[in-house]
Structures are given as C-alpha cells and as structure tokens.
Amino acid sequence: MSDDVLAICTALRITKFSIIAHSAGAIYALATALRMPQSIRGRVHLLAPWIPPSQMAPIGLPKQVSA
C-alpha cells in the first residue's frame, strides 16, 4: 500500500501531504508515514485505529493492553 501512495505522489508530483485513517486503515497510514516521513505534513491522524496484534511490537506498542 505505501508503494502505491509513493507511486501516486510521484506521478502527480505531490511532495507534501497529510494522512488521516480509520480503523484497519491505520496500519497503512503508519506504514506510509514510516516509509515517507519527509512527505508528511503535520501529524498522522488515526480515527478508531485497529492494528493487528502481530503488528503492535514493530511500532512500539505492547501486544496486550492491561486494563
């Protein structure tokens, strides 16, 4: 997915953009932000993010959150 964002931005000559994602889109937003940090304008906004437990550790989150 981040490869697609990179290809589209290159084709359209977009150098800076904002990211907003909802639910399962959060993992793609984070991957894009990590792959293209120089292109992100401002913050990455995640609305009700869902991140698969298998992907928590790579971004520094525990696999389970204690209540």
Protein backbone atom coordinates (compact mmCIF):
# COMPACT_ATOMS: atom_id res chain seq x y z
CA MET A 1 0.00 0.00 0.00
CA SER A 2 2.75 2.50 0.85
CA ASP A 3 4.28 1.65 -2.54
CA ASP A 4 1.00 2.73 -4.16
CA VAL A 5 0.99 6.01 -2.25
CA LEU A 6 4.59 6.65 -3.28
CA ALA A 7 3.82 5.90 -6.95
CA ILE A 8 0.75 8.17 -6.98
CA CYS A 9 2.58 11.02 -5.25
CA THR A 10 5.48 10.72 -7.67
CA ALA A 11 3.19 10.65 -10.73
CA LEU A 12 1.21 13.68 -9.51
CA ARG A 13 4.31 15.50 -8.23
CA ILE A 14 2.91 15.69 -4.70
CA THR A 15 5.74 16.34 -2.26
CA LYS A 16 3.83 17.00 0.99
CA PHE A 17 0.54 15.60 2.22
CA SER A 18 -1.50 14.90 5.34
CA ILE A 19 -2.69 11.46 6.41
CA ILE A 20 -5.94 10.52 8.08
CA ALA A 21 -7.03 6.91 8.53
CA HIS A 22 -9.88 4.99 10.11
CA SER A 23 -9.97 1.51 11.64
CA ALA A 24 -7.87 -1.02 9.68
CA GLY A 25 -6.53 1.81 7.52
CA ALA A 26 -4.34 2.81 10.47
CA ILE A 27 -1.71 0.19 9.65
CA TYR A 28 -1.41 1.53 6.09
CA ALA A 29 -1.22 5.12 7.29
CA LEU A 30 1.56 4.22 9.72
CA ALA A 31 3.43 2.24 7.06
CA THR A 32 3.22 5.19 4.67
CA ALA A 33 4.39 7.63 7.34
CA LEU A 34 7.34 5.39 8.21
CA ARG A 35 8.27 4.91 4.56
CA MET A 36 7.89 8.57 3.55
CA PRO A 37 8.42 10.70 6.69
CA GLN A 38 9.80 13.62 4.69
CA SER A 39 6.48 13.88 2.82
CA ILE A 40 4.16 14.05 5.82
CA ARG A 41 2.74 17.48 6.58
CA GLY A 42 1.78 17.77 10.23
CA ARG A 43 0.53 14.80 12.20
CA VAL A 44 -0.82 11.42 11.19
CA HIS A 45 -4.44 11.26 12.37
CA LEU A 46 -5.87 7.86 13.26
CA LEU A 47 -9.61 7.59 13.97
CA ALA A 48 -10.59 4.46 15.92
CA PRO A 49 -7.41 2.68 14.82
CA TRP A 50 -7.33 -1.08 14.64
CA ILE A 51 -3.86 -2.54 14.43
CA PRO A 52 -3.42 -6.32 14.23
CA PRO A 53 -1.74 -7.69 17.38
CA SER A 54 1.06 -9.10 15.22
CA GLN A 55 1.95 -5.54 14.18
CA MET A 56 1.96 -3.93 17.64
CA ALA A 57 5.59 -4.67 18.59
CA PRO A 58 7.16 -3.12 15.45
CA ILE A 59 5.60 0.25 16.30
CA GLY A 60 6.49 0.06 19.99
CA LEU A 61 3.14 -0.97 21.47
CA PRO A 62 2.59 -3.96 23.75
CA LYS A 63 0.64 -6.86 22.22
CA GLN A 64 -1.93 -6.65 25.00
CA VAL A 65 -3.01 -3.60 26.93
CA SER A 66 -3.80 -4.18 30.61
CA ALA A 67 -6.95 -2.60 31.96
